[in-house]
PDB file of N, CA and C in Angstrom:
ATOM      1  N   MET A   1     -39.536  22.031  20.463  1.00  0.00           N
ATOM      2  CA  MET A   1     -38.618  20.928  20.623  1.00  0.00           C
ATOM      3  C   MET A   1     -38.127  20.838  22.055  1.00  0.00           C
ATOM      4  N   ASN A   2     -38.953  20.855  22.959  1.00  0.00           N
ATOM      5  CA  ASN A   2     -38.645  20.671  24.370  1.00  0.00           C
ATOM      6  C   ASN A   2     -37.617  21.668  24.891  1.00  0.00           C
ATOM      7  N   GLY A   3     -37.538  22.846  24.328  1.00  0.00           N
ATOM      8  CA  GLY A   3     -36.657  23.871  24.834  1.00  0.00           C
ATOM      9  C   GLY A   3     -35.225  23.754  24.374  1.00  0.00           C
ATOM     10  N   ALA A   4     -34.799  22.672  23.732  1.00  0.00           N
ATOM     11  CA  ALA A   4     -33.419  22.522  23.274  1.00  0.00           C
ATOM     12  C   ALA A   4     -33.339  22.938  21.818  1.00  0.00           C
ATOM     13  N   SER A   5     -32.259  23.613  21.466  1.00  0.00           N
ATOM     14  CA  SER A   5     -32.092  23.982  20.070  1.00  0.00           C
ATOM     15  C   SER A   5     -30.963  23.145  19.470  1.00  0.00           C
ATOM     16  N   VAL A   6     -31.184  22.688  18.277  1.00  0.00           N
ATOM     17  CA  VAL A   6     -30.204  21.867  17.571  1.00  0.00           C
ATOM     18  C   VAL A   6     -29.970  22.524  16.228  1.00  0.00           C
ATOM     19  N   ASP A   7     -28.691  22.726  15.879  1.00  0.00           N
ATOM     20  CA  ASP A   7     -28.383  23.384  14.615  1.00  0.00           C
ATOM     21  C   ASP A   7     -28.672  22.482  13.424  1.00  0.00           C
ATOM     22  N   VAL A   8     -28.053  21.306  13.393  1.00  0.00           N
ATOM     23  CA  VAL A   8     -28.188  20.409  12.248  1.00  0.00           C
ATOM     24  C   VAL A   8     -28.516  19.024  12.766  1.00  0.00           C
ATOM     25  N   ILE A   9     -29.517  18.409  12.209  1.00  0.00           N
ATOM     26  CA  ILE A   9     -29.866  17.040  12.567  1.00  0.00           C
ATOM     27  C   ILE A   9     -29.860  16.227  11.280  1.00  0.00           C
ATOM     28  N   HIS A  10     -29.102  15.176  11.279  1.00  0.00           N
ATOM     29  CA  HIS A  10     -29.016  14.296  10.114  1.00  0.00           C
ATOM     30  C   HIS A  10     -30.003  13.154  10.286  1.00  0.00           C
ATOM     31  N   ALA A  11     -30.563  12.691   9.193  1.00  0.00           N
ATOM     32  CA  ALA A  11     -31.561  11.632   9.244  1.00  0.00           C
ATOM     33  C   ALA A  11     -31.003  10.368   9.890  1.00  0.00           C
ATOM     34  N   GLU A  12     -29.733  10.058   9.663  1.00  0.00           N
ATOM     35  CA  GLU A  12     -29.164   8.842  10.243  1.00  0.00           C
ATOM     36  C   GLU A  12     -28.997   8.952  11.754  1.00  0.00           C
ATOM     37  N   ASP A  13     -29.062  10.172  12.306  1.00  0.00           N
ATOM     38  CA  ASP A  13     -28.953  10.348  13.748  1.00  0.00           C
ATOM     39  C   ASP A  13     -30.282  10.121  14.469  1.00  0.00           C
ATOM     40  N   LEU A  14     -31.374  10.085  13.744  1.00  0.00           N
ATOM     41  CA  LEU A  14     -32.686   9.901  14.353  1.00  0.00           C
ATOM     42  C   LEU A  14     -33.032   8.425  14.393  1.00  0.00           C
ATOM     43  N   TYR A  15     -33.532   7.960  15.513  1.00  0.00           N
ATOM     44  CA  TYR A  15     -33.906   6.557  15.545  1.00  0.00           C
ATOM     45  C   TYR A  15     -35.264   6.293  16.157  1.00  0.00           C
ATOM     46  N   ALA A  16     -35.945   7.273  16.700  1.00  0.00           N
ATOM     47  CA  ALA A  16     -37.259   6.992  17.274  1.00  0.00           C
ATOM     48  C   ALA A  16     -38.153   8.221  17.186  1.00  0.00           C
ATOM     49  N   PHE A  17     -39.424   7.983  16.969  1.00  0.00           N
ATOM     50  CA  PHE A  17     -40.407   9.051  17.003  1.00  0.00           C
ATOM     51  C   PHE A  17     -41.462   8.666  18.039  1.00  0.00           C
ATOM     52  N   ASP A  18     -41.930   9.616  18.788  1.00  0.00           N
ATOM     53  CA  ASP A  18     -42.945   9.373  19.799  1.00  0.00           C
ATOM     54  C   ASP A  18     -43.924  10.545  19.741  1.00  0.00           C
ATOM     55  N   ALA A  19     -45.124  10.306  20.135  1.00  0.00           N
ATOM     56  CA  ALA A  19     -46.134  11.361  20.076  1.00  0.00           C
ATOM     57  C   ALA A  19     -45.769  12.544  20.955  1.00  0.00           C
ATOM     58  N   GLY A  20     -45.147  12.296  22.127  1.00  0.00           N
ATOM     59  CA  GLY A  20     -44.823  13.376  23.035  1.00  0.00           C
ATOM     60  C   GLY A  20     -43.452  13.976  22.785  1.00  0.00           C
ATOM     61  N   ILE A  21     -42.598  13.289  22.042  1.00  0.00           N
ATOM     62  CA  ILE A  21     -41.222  13.743  21.803  1.00  0.00           C
ATOM     63  C   ILE A  21     -41.044  13.918  20.308  1.00  0.00           C
ATOM     64  N   ASP A  22     -40.468  15.047  19.902  1.00  0.00           N
ATOM     65  CA  ASP A  22     -40.257  15.271  18.473  1.00  0.00           C
ATOM     66  C   ASP A  22     -39.258  14.273  17.890  1.00  0.00           C
ATOM     67  N   PHE A  23     -38.155  14.057  18.562  1.00  0.00           N
ATOM     68  CA  PHE A  23     -37.148  13.104  18.083  1.00  0.00           C
ATOM     69  C   PHE A  23     -36.217  12.755  19.218  1.00  0.00           C
ATOM     70  N   VAL A  24     -35.476  11.679  19.027  1.00  0.00           N
ATOM     71  CA  VAL A  24     -34.458  11.264  19.981  1.00  0.00           C
ATOM     72  C   VAL A  24     -33.169  11.078  19.194  1.00  0.00           C
ATOM     73  N   VAL A  25     -32.116  11.682  19.659  1.00  0.00           N
ATOM     74  CA  VAL A  25     -30.829  11.613  18.964  1.00  0.00           C
ATOM     75  C   VAL A  25     -30.006  10.482  19.556  1.00  0.00           C
ATOM     76  N   LYS A  26     -29.389   9.712  18.672  1.00  0.00           N
ATOM     77  CA  LYS A  26     -28.525   8.626  19.121  1.00  0.00           C
ATOM     78  C   LYS A  26     -27.377   9.182  19.937  1.00  0.00           C
ATOM     79  N   PRO A  27     -26.924   8.432  20.934  1.00  0.00           N
ATOM     80  CA  PRO A  27     -25.738   8.879  21.662  1.00  0.00           C
ATOM     81  C   PRO A  27     -24.534   8.852  20.727  1.00  0.00           C
ATOM     82  N   PRO A  28     -23.520   9.674  20.999  1.00  0.00           N
ATOM     83  CA  PRO A  28     -22.359   9.695  20.109  1.00  0.00           C
ATOM     84  C   PRO A  28     -21.673   8.337  20.072  1.00  0.00           C
ATOM     85  N   ALA A  29     -21.208   7.981  18.898  1.00  0.00           N
ATOM     86  CA  ALA A  29     -20.522   6.703  18.705  1.00  0.00           C
ATOM     87  C   ALA A  29     -19.152   6.753  19.368  1.00  0.00           C
ATOM     88  N   ALA A  30     -18.568   5.586  19.542  1.00  0.00           N
ATOM     89  CA  ALA A  30     -17.213   5.506  20.099  1.00  0.00           C
ATOM     90  C   ALA A  30     -16.271   6.288  19.196  1.00  0.00           C
ATOM     91  N   ALA A  31     -15.173   6.690  19.746  1.00  0.00           N
ATOM     92  CA  ALA A  31     -14.214   7.498  18.998  1.00  0.00           C
ATOM     93  C   ALA A  31     -13.818   6.767  17.719  1.00  0.00           C
ATOM     94  N   ALA A  32     -14.102   7.364  16.606  1.00  0.00           N
ATOM     95  CA  ALA A  32     -13.762   6.787  15.315  1.00  0.00           C
ATOM     96  C   ALA A  32     -12.421   7.341  14.851  1.00  0.00           C
ATOM     97  N   ALA A  33     -11.872   6.691  13.846  1.00  0.00           N
ATOM     98  CA  ALA A  33     -10.605   7.160  13.287  1.00  0.00           C
ATOM     99  C   ALA A  33     -10.822   8.525  12.659  1.00  0.00           C
ATOM    100  N   PRO A  34      -9.843   9.404  12.758  1.00  0.00           N
ATOM    101  CA  PRO A  34      -9.974  10.716  12.124  1.00  0.00           C
ATOM    102  C   PRO A  34     -10.233  10.564  10.620  1.00  0.00           C
ATOM    103  N   ILE A  35     -10.949  11.508  10.060  1.00  0.00           N
ATOM    104  CA  ILE A  35     -11.327  11.436   8.660  1.00  0.00           C
ATOM    105  C   ILE A  35     -10.112  11.419   7.751  1.00  0.00           C
ATOM    106  N   ASN A  36      -9.107  12.183   8.057  1.00  0.00           N
ATOM    107  CA  ASN A  36      -7.951  12.292   7.178  1.00  0.00           C
ATOM    108  C   ASN A  36      -6.909  11.205   7.401  1.00  0.00           C
ATOM    109  N   SER A  37      -7.140  10.278   8.297  1.00  0.00           N
ATOM    110  CA  SER A  37      -6.132   9.253   8.557  1.00  0.00           C
ATOM    111  C   SER A  37      -6.120   8.241   7.419  1.00  0.00           C
ATOM    112  N   THR A  38      -4.965   7.729   7.121  1.00  0.00           N
ATOM    113  CA  THR A  38      -4.816   6.697   6.105  1.00  0.00           C
ATOM    114  C   THR A  38      -4.379   5.419   6.785  1.00  0.00           C
ATOM    115  N   PRO A  39      -4.794   4.273   6.270  1.00  0.00           N
ATOM    116  CA  PRO A  39      -4.373   3.029   6.891  1.00  0.00           C
ATOM    117  C   PRO A  39      -2.864   2.853   6.753  1.00  0.00           C
ATOM    118  N   ALA A  40      -2.297   2.160   7.705  1.00  0.00           N
ATOM    119  CA  ALA A  40      -0.849   1.946   7.681  1.00  0.00           C
ATOM    120  C   ALA A  40      -0.486   1.107   6.467  1.00  0.00           C
ATOM    121  N   ALA A  41       0.511   1.571   5.734  1.00  0.00           N
ATOM    122  CA  ALA A  41       0.962   0.846   4.556  1.00  0.00           C
ATOM    123  C   ALA A  41       1.753  -0.385   4.991  1.00  0.00           C
ATOM    124  N   PRO A  42       1.612  -1.487   4.242  1.00  0.00           N
ATOM    125  CA  PRO A  42       2.396  -2.662   4.600  1.00  0.00           C
ATOM    126  C   PRO A  42       3.877  -2.381   4.413  1.00  0.00           C
ATOM    127  N   LYS A  43       4.687  -2.990   5.257  1.00  0.00           N
ATOM    128  CA  LYS A  43       6.123  -2.768   5.169  1.00  0.00           C
ATOM    129  C   LYS A  43       6.674  -3.341   3.872  1.00  0.00           C
ATOM    130  N   ALA A  44       7.543  -2.587   3.243  1.00  0.00           N
ATOM    131  CA  ALA A  44       8.191  -3.071   2.031  1.00  0.00           C
ATOM    132  C   ALA A  44       9.223  -4.115   2.421  1.00  0.00           C
ATOM    133  N   PRO A  45       9.388  -5.147   1.594  1.00  0.00           N
ATOM    134  CA  PRO A  45      10.386  -6.159   1.922  1.00  0.00           C
ATOM    135  C   PRO A  45      11.793  -5.570   1.846  1.00  0.00           C
ATOM    136  N   ALA A  46      12.685  -6.134   2.619  1.00  0.00           N
ATOM    137  CA  ALA A  46      14.071  -5.679   2.596  1.00  0.00           C
ATOM    138  C   ALA A  46      14.666  -5.985   1.225  1.00  0.00           C
ATOM    139  N   LEU A  47      15.418  -5.036   0.699  1.00  0.00           N
ATOM    140  CA  LEU A  47      16.020  -5.244  -0.618  1.00  0.00           C
ATOM    141  C   LEU A  47      17.141  -6.269  -0.516  1.00  0.00           C
ATOM    142  N   PRO A  48      17.202  -7.205  -1.471  1.00  0.00           N
ATOM    143  CA  PRO A  48      18.246  -8.231  -1.419  1.00  0.00           C
ATOM    144  C   PRO A  48      19.618  -7.659  -1.772  1.00  0.00           C
ATOM    145  N   LYS A  49      20.667  -8.337  -1.325  1.00  0.00           N
ATOM    146  CA  LYS A  49      22.047  -7.938  -1.613  1.00  0.00           C
ATOM    147  C   LYS A  49      22.474  -8.517  -2.957  1.00  0.00           C
ATOM    148  N   VAL A  50      23.056  -7.673  -3.800  1.00  0.00           N
ATOM    149  CA  VAL A  50      23.526  -8.110  -5.119  1.00  0.00           C
ATOM    150  C   VAL A  50      24.763  -8.967  -4.945  1.00  0.00           C
ATOM    151  N   LYS A  51      24.744 -10.144  -5.571  1.00  0.00           N
ATOM    152  CA  LYS A  51      25.874 -11.063  -5.504  1.00  0.00           C
ATOM    153  C   LYS A  51      26.795 -10.844  -6.704  1.00  0.00           C
ATOM    154  N   SER A  52      26.227 -10.833  -7.912  1.00  0.00           N
ATOM    155  CA  SER A  52      27.046 -10.651  -9.101  1.00  0.00           C
ATOM    156  C   SER A  52      26.203 -10.093 -10.244  1.00  0.00           C
ATOM    157  N   THR A  53      26.896  -9.511 -11.225  1.00  0.00           N
ATOM    158  CA  THR A  53      26.252  -9.049 -12.455  1.00  0.00           C
ATOM    159  C   THR A  53      27.036  -9.609 -13.623  1.00  0.00           C
ATOM    160  N   ARG A  54      26.333  -9.888 -14.695  1.00  0.00           N
ATOM    161  CA  ARG A  54      27.002 -10.375 -15.897  1.00  0.00           C
ATOM    162  C   ARG A  54      26.237  -9.895 -17.131  1.00  0.00           C
ATOM    163  N   ILE A  55      26.940  -9.858 -18.262  1.00  0.00           N
ATOM    164  CA  ILE A  55      26.364  -9.425 -19.532  1.00  0.00           C
ATOM    165  C   ILE A  55      26.010 -10.671 -20.335  1.00  0.00           C
ATOM    166  N   GLU A  56      24.857 -10.653 -20.987  1.00  0.00           N
ATOM    167  CA  GLU A  56      24.463 -11.748 -21.870  1.00  0.00           C
ATOM    168  C   GLU A  56      23.939 -11.189 -23.181  1.00  0.00           C
ATOM    169  N   ARG A  57      24.193 -11.926 -24.265  1.00  0.00           N
ATOM    170  CA  ARG A  57      23.604 -11.629 -25.563  1.00  0.00           C
ATOM    171  C   ARG A  57      22.961 -12.867 -26.167  1.00  0.00           C
ATOM    172  N   ALA A  58      23.386 -14.031 -25.714  1.00  0.00           N
ATOM    173  CA  ALA A  58      22.912 -15.284 -26.303  1.00  0.00           C
ATOM    174  C   ALA A  58      21.412 -15.449 -26.090  1.00  0.00           C
ATOM    175  N   HIS A  59      20.712 -15.880 -27.136  1.00  0.00           N
ATOM    176  CA  HIS A  59      19.277 -16.170 -27.095  1.00  0.00           C
ATOM    177  C   HIS A  59      18.443 -14.946 -26.742  1.00  0.00           C
ATOM    178  N   ARG A  60      18.925 -13.774 -27.082  1.00  0.00           N
ATOM    179  CA  ARG A  60      18.174 -12.547 -26.781  1.00  0.00           C
ATOM    180  C   ARG A  60      18.063 -11.662 -28.024  1.00  0.00           C
ATOM    181  N   GLY A  61      18.150 -12.270 -29.192  1.00  0.00           N
ATOM    182  CA  GLY A  61      17.983 -11.529 -30.439  1.00  0.00           C
ATOM    183  C   GLY A  61      19.077 -10.499 -30.665  1.00  0.00           C
ATOM    184  N   GLY A  62      20.279 -10.741 -30.166  1.00  0.00           N
ATOM    185  CA  GLY A  62      21.388  -9.824 -30.340  1.00  0.00           C
ATOM    186  C   GLY A  62      21.367  -8.635 -29.387  1.00  0.00           C
ATOM    187  N   LYS A  63      20.393  -8.568 -28.527  1.00  0.00           N
ATOM    188  CA  LYS A  63      20.304  -7.468 -27.564  1.00  0.00           C
ATOM    189  C   LYS A  63      21.145  -7.784 -26.337  1.00  0.00           C
ATOM    190  N   THR A  64      21.782  -6.760 -25.802  1.00  0.00           N
ATOM    191  CA  THR A  64      22.592  -6.922 -24.589  1.00  0.00           C
ATOM    192  C   THR A  64      21.708  -6.729 -23.368  1.00  0.00           C
ATOM    193  N   VAL A  65      21.861  -7.628 -22.407  1.00  0.00           N
ATOM    194  CA  VAL A  65      21.148  -7.492 -21.137  1.00  0.00           C
ATOM    195  C   VAL A  65      22.135  -7.698 -19.998  1.00  0.00           C
ATOM    196  N   THR A  66      21.801  -7.162 -18.843  1.00  0.00           N
ATOM    197  CA  THR A  66      22.586  -7.359 -17.632  1.00  0.00           C
ATOM    198  C   THR A  66      21.772  -8.269 -16.718  1.00  0.00           C
ATOM    199  N   VAL A  67      22.377  -9.392 -16.324  1.00  0.00           N
ATOM    200  CA  VAL A  67      21.716 -10.339 -15.424  1.00  0.00           C
ATOM    201  C   VAL A  67      22.291 -10.130 -14.027  1.00  0.00           C
ATOM    202  N   VAL A  68      21.410  -9.850 -13.062  1.00  0.00           N
ATOM    203  CA  VAL A  68      21.820  -9.569 -11.687  1.00  0.00           C
ATOM    204  C   VAL A  68      21.419 -10.763 -10.823  1.00  0.00           C
ATOM    205  N   SER A  69      22.389 -11.331 -10.101  1.00  0.00           N
ATOM    206  CA  SER A  69      22.144 -12.435  -9.174  1.00  0.00           C
ATOM    207  C   SER A  69      22.208 -11.902  -7.747  1.00  0.00           C
ATOM    208  N   PHE A  70      21.523 -12.594  -6.837  1.00  0.00           N
ATOM    209  CA  PHE A  70      21.427 -12.144  -5.448  1.00  0.00           C
ATOM    210  C   PHE A  70      21.851 -13.245  -4.489  1.00  0.00           C
ATOM    211  N   HIS A  71      22.239 -12.838  -3.271  1.00  0.00           N
ATOM    212  CA  HIS A  71      22.575 -13.776  -2.200  1.00  0.00           C
ATOM    213  C   HIS A  71      21.300 -14.393  -1.630  1.00  0.00           C
ATOM    214  N   ASN A  72      21.356 -15.613  -1.199  1.00  0.00           N
ATOM    215  CA  ASN A  72      20.321 -16.289  -0.407  1.00  0.00           C
ATOM    216  C   ASN A  72      18.932 -16.321  -1.027  1.00  0.00           C
ATOM    217  N   ALA A  73      18.807 -16.461  -2.317  1.00  0.00           N
ATOM    218  CA  ALA A  73      17.518 -16.630  -3.007  1.00  0.00           C
ATOM    219  C   ALA A  73      16.401 -15.780  -2.412  1.00  0.00           C
ATOM    220  N   PRO A  74      16.331 -14.498  -2.761  1.00  0.00           N
ATOM    221  CA  PRO A  74      15.310 -13.608  -2.180  1.00  0.00           C
ATOM    222  C   PRO A  74      13.895 -14.004  -2.590  1.00  0.00           C
ATOM    223  N   THR A  75      12.928 -13.514  -1.842  1.00  0.00           N
ATOM    224  CA  THR A  75      11.522 -13.791  -2.145  1.00  0.00           C
ATOM    225  C   THR A  75      11.096 -13.032  -3.397  1.00  0.00           C
ATOM    226  N   GLU A  76       9.955 -13.429  -3.933  1.00  0.00           N
ATOM    227  CA  GLU A  76       9.421 -12.765  -5.121  1.00  0.00           C
ATOM    228  C   GLU A  76       9.129 -11.287  -4.838  1.00  0.00           C
ATOM    229  N   ALA A  77       8.612 -11.005  -3.641  1.00  0.00           N
ATOM    230  CA  ALA A  77       8.316  -9.613  -3.274  1.00  0.00           C
ATOM    231  C   ALA A  77       9.586  -8.785  -3.193  1.00  0.00           C
ATOM    232  N   ALA A  78      10.666  -9.362  -2.643  1.00  0.00           N
ATOM    233  CA  ALA A  78      11.933  -8.639  -2.547  1.00  0.00           C
ATOM    234  C   ALA A  78      12.528  -8.403  -3.933  1.00  0.00           C
ATOM    235  N   LEU A  79      12.418  -9.398  -4.817  1.00  0.00           N
ATOM    236  CA  LEU A  79      12.909  -9.209  -6.191  1.00  0.00           C
ATOM    237  C   LEU A  79      12.122  -8.109  -6.894  1.00  0.00           C
ATOM    238  N   ASN A  80      10.795  -8.116  -6.738  1.00  0.00           N
ATOM    239  CA  ASN A  80       9.975  -7.071  -7.364  1.00  0.00           C
ATOM    240  C   ASN A  80      10.333  -5.696  -6.829  1.00  0.00           C
ATOM    241  N   ALA A  81      10.570  -5.586  -5.526  1.00  0.00           N
ATOM    242  CA  ALA A  81      10.936  -4.301  -4.927  1.00  0.00           C
ATOM    243  C   ALA A  81      12.275  -3.814  -5.487  1.00  0.00           C
ATOM    244  N   TRP A  82      13.247  -4.707  -5.587  1.00  0.00           N
ATOM    245  CA  TRP A  82      14.566  -4.329  -6.106  1.00  0.00           C
ATOM    246  C   TRP A  82      14.453  -3.947  -7.581  1.00  0.00           C
ATOM    247  N   LEU A  83      13.706  -4.723  -8.355  1.00  0.00           N
ATOM    248  CA  LEU A  83      13.544  -4.440  -9.779  1.00  0.00           C
ATOM    249  C   LEU A  83      12.881  -3.076  -9.992  1.00  0.00           C
ATOM    250  N   ASN A  84      11.815  -2.791  -9.249  1.00  0.00           N
ATOM    251  CA  ASN A  84      11.144  -1.485  -9.401  1.00  0.00           C
ATOM    252  C   ASN A  84      12.067  -0.343  -9.035  1.00  0.00           C
ATOM    253  N   MET A  85      12.849  -0.513  -7.973  1.00  0.00           N
ATOM    254  CA  MET A  85      13.797   0.523  -7.573  1.00  0.00           C
ATOM    255  C   MET A  85      14.856   0.721  -8.665  1.00  0.00           C
ATOM    256  N   ALA A  86      15.382  -0.365  -9.230  1.00  0.00           N
ATOM    257  CA  ALA A  86      16.409  -0.270 -10.273  1.00  0.00           C
ATOM    258  C   ALA A  86      15.845   0.379 -11.537  1.00  0.00           C
ATOM    259  N   LYS A  87      14.643   0.005 -11.913  1.00  0.00           N
ATOM    260  CA  LYS A  87      14.039   0.578 -13.117  1.00  0.00           C
ATOM    261  C   LYS A  87      13.829   2.079 -12.972  1.00  0.00           C
ATOM    262  N   LYS A  88      13.394   2.524 -11.797  1.00  0.00           N
ATOM    263  CA  LYS A  88      13.179   3.957 -11.582  1.00  0.00           C
ATOM    264  C   LYS A  88      14.500   4.705 -11.461  1.00  0.00           C
ATOM    265  N   THR A  89      15.474   4.111 -10.763  1.00  0.00           N
ATOM    266  CA  THR A  89      16.754   4.773 -10.557  1.00  0.00           C
ATOM    267  C   THR A  89      17.538   4.909 -11.855  1.00  0.00           C
ATOM    268  N   LEU A  90      17.552   3.829 -12.655  1.00  0.00           N
ATOM    269  CA  LEU A  90      18.364   3.809 -13.866  1.00  0.00           C
ATOM    270  C   LEU A  90      17.592   4.231 -15.114  1.00  0.00           C
ATOM    271  N   GLY A  91      16.273   4.284 -15.045  1.00  0.00           N
ATOM    272  CA  GLY A  91      15.478   4.674 -16.204  1.00  0.00           C
ATOM    273  C   GLY A  91      15.523   3.642 -17.308  1.00  0.00           C
ATOM    274  N   ILE A  92      15.433   2.372 -16.960  1.00  0.00           N
ATOM    275  CA  ILE A  92      15.534   1.285 -17.935  1.00  0.00           C
ATOM    276  C   ILE A  92      14.401   0.296 -17.718  1.00  0.00           C
ATOM    277  N   GLY A  93      14.312  -0.678 -18.592  1.00  0.00           N
ATOM    278  CA  GLY A  93      13.343  -1.756 -18.447  1.00  0.00           C
ATOM    279  C   GLY A  93      14.019  -2.971 -17.845  1.00  0.00           C
ATOM    280  N   GLY A  94      13.213  -3.887 -17.383  1.00  0.00           N
ATOM    281  CA  GLY A  94      13.760  -5.100 -16.809  1.00  0.00           C
ATOM    282  C   GLY A  94      12.665  -6.070 -16.451  1.00  0.00           C
ATOM    283  N   SER A  95      13.074  -7.288 -16.084  1.00  0.00           N
ATOM    284  CA  SER A  95      12.115  -8.316 -15.703  1.00  0.00           C
ATOM    285  C   SER A  95      12.790  -9.298 -14.756  1.00  0.00           C
ATOM    286  N   ILE A  96      11.991 -10.215 -14.235  1.00  0.00           N
ATOM    287  CA  ILE A  96      12.500 -11.249 -13.337  1.00  0.00           C
ATOM    288  C   ILE A  96      12.491 -12.565 -14.092  1.00  0.00           C
ATOM    289  N   GLU A  97      13.605 -13.272 -14.048  1.00  0.00           N
ATOM    290  CA  GLU A  97      13.702 -14.597 -14.645  1.00  0.00           C
ATOM    291  C   GLU A  97      14.249 -15.542 -13.579  1.00  0.00           C
ATOM    292  N   GLY A  98      13.382 -16.326 -13.002  1.00  0.00           N
ATOM    293  CA  GLY A  98      13.795 -17.243 -11.936  1.00  0.00           C
ATOM    294  C   GLY A  98      14.195 -16.469 -10.699  1.00  0.00           C
ATOM    295  N   GLU A  99      15.445 -16.661 -10.265  1.00  0.00           N
ATOM    296  CA  GLU A  99      15.949 -15.948  -9.083  1.00  0.00           C
ATOM    297  C   GLU A  99      16.849 -14.780  -9.472  1.00  0.00           C
ATOM    298  N   ASN A 100      16.839 -14.401 -10.747  1.00  0.00           N
ATOM    299  CA  ASN A 100      17.669 -13.307 -11.246  1.00  0.00           C
ATOM    300  C   ASN A 100      16.794 -12.179 -11.776  1.00  0.00           C
ATOM    301  N   VAL A 101      17.383 -11.000 -11.835  1.00  0.00           N
ATOM    302  CA  VAL A 101      16.740  -9.846 -12.463  1.00  0.00           C
ATOM    303  C   VAL A 101      17.493  -9.556 -13.744  1.00  0.00           C
ATOM    304  N   VAL A 102      16.750  -9.362 -14.828  1.00  0.00           N
ATOM    305  CA  VAL A 102      17.348  -9.066 -16.131  1.00  0.00           C
ATOM    306  C   VAL A 102      17.031  -7.616 -16.466  1.00  0.00           C
ATOM    307  N   LEU A 103      18.088  -6.814 -16.652  1.00  0.00           N
ATOM    308  CA  LEU A 103      17.947  -5.398 -16.990  1.00  0.00           C
ATOM    309  C   LEU A 103      18.348  -5.184 -18.438  1.00  0.00           C
ATOM    310  N   GLN A 104      17.658  -4.308 -19.142  1.00  0.00           N
ATOM    311  CA  GLN A 104      17.960  -4.043 -20.544  1.00  0.00           C
ATOM    312  C   GLN A 104      19.239  -3.241 -20.669  1.00  0.00           C
ATOM    313  N   GLY A 105      20.100  -3.667 -21.580  1.00  0.00           N
ATOM    314  CA  GLY A 105      21.345  -2.956 -21.858  1.00  0.00           C
ATOM    315  C   GLY A 105      22.467  -3.350 -20.913  1.00  0.00           C
ATOM    316  N   ASP A 106      23.643  -2.770 -21.174  1.00  0.00           N
ATOM    317  CA  ASP A 106      24.824  -3.017 -20.329  1.00  0.00           C
ATOM    318  C   ASP A 106      24.774  -2.038 -19.157  1.00  0.00           C
ATOM    319  N   GLN A 107      24.403  -2.531 -17.998  1.00  0.00           N
ATOM    320  CA  GLN A 107      24.242  -1.690 -16.806  1.00  0.00           C
ATOM    321  C   GLN A 107      25.274  -2.009 -15.738  1.00  0.00           C
ATOM    322  N   THR A 108      26.348  -2.715 -16.091  1.00  0.00           N
ATOM    323  CA  THR A 108      27.308  -3.165 -15.078  1.00  0.00           C
ATOM    324  C   THR A 108      27.949  -2.004 -14.328  1.00  0.00           C
ATOM    325  N   LYS A 109      28.233  -0.901 -15.003  1.00  0.00           N
ATOM    326  CA  LYS A 109      28.871   0.238 -14.330  1.00  0.00           C
ATOM    327  C   LYS A 109      27.854   1.067 -13.557  1.00  0.00           C
ATOM    328  N   ARG A 110      26.599   1.089 -13.998  1.00  0.00           N
ATOM    329  CA  ARG A 110      25.570   1.904 -13.349  1.00  0.00           C
ATOM    330  C   ARG A 110      24.864   1.178 -12.213  1.00  0.00           C
ATOM    331  N   ILE A 111      25.026  -0.140 -12.132  1.00  0.00           N
ATOM    332  CA  ILE A 111      24.289  -0.936 -11.150  1.00  0.00           C
ATOM    333  C   ILE A 111      24.677  -0.573  -9.723  1.00  0.00           C
ATOM    334  N   ASP A 112      25.839   0.048  -9.531  1.00  0.00           N
ATOM    335  CA  ASP A 112      26.267   0.433  -8.176  1.00  0.00           C
ATOM    336  C   ASP A 112      25.293   1.410  -7.538  1.00  0.00           C
ATOM    337  N   ARG A 113      24.526   2.162  -8.314  1.00  0.00           N
ATOM    338  CA  ARG A 113      23.540   3.084  -7.759  1.00  0.00           C
ATOM    339  C   ARG A 113      22.417   2.326  -7.052  1.00  0.00           C
ATOM    340  N   CYS A 114      22.242   1.056  -7.389  1.00  0.00           N
ATOM    341  CA  CYS A 114      21.135   0.271  -6.858  1.00  0.00           C
ATOM    342  C   CYS A 114      21.558  -0.686  -5.740  1.00  0.00           C
ATOM    343  N   ARG A 115      22.798  -0.619  -5.297  1.00  0.00           N
ATOM    344  CA  ARG A 115      23.246  -1.560  -4.272  1.00  0.00           C
ATOM    345  C   ARG A 115      22.979  -1.033  -2.902  1.00  0.00           C
TER     346      ARG A 115
END
């Protein structure tokens, strides 16, 4: 091999064969991202500010729910972020209805953990 010793040669590194040369190795590629690097995560939306909370039972099959309203009509992504945080923090279920978040049960005293 022309006097040079090579420990490991990968098939993808070879690109030409010639009668006088055993092989030609591609030049090293431009600096690639490290193998263990992860792509930057998108920024989470800012959590909206709670404006008011109220208890409702009407039209909910007798179940009590806490309806949380927010200042300045937050985006859908911000509502989802706040709802997921509240569900994990309080250990309850909930959903989004319009511009409000509906949490299962009477959470008026516990909602301060999510502000």
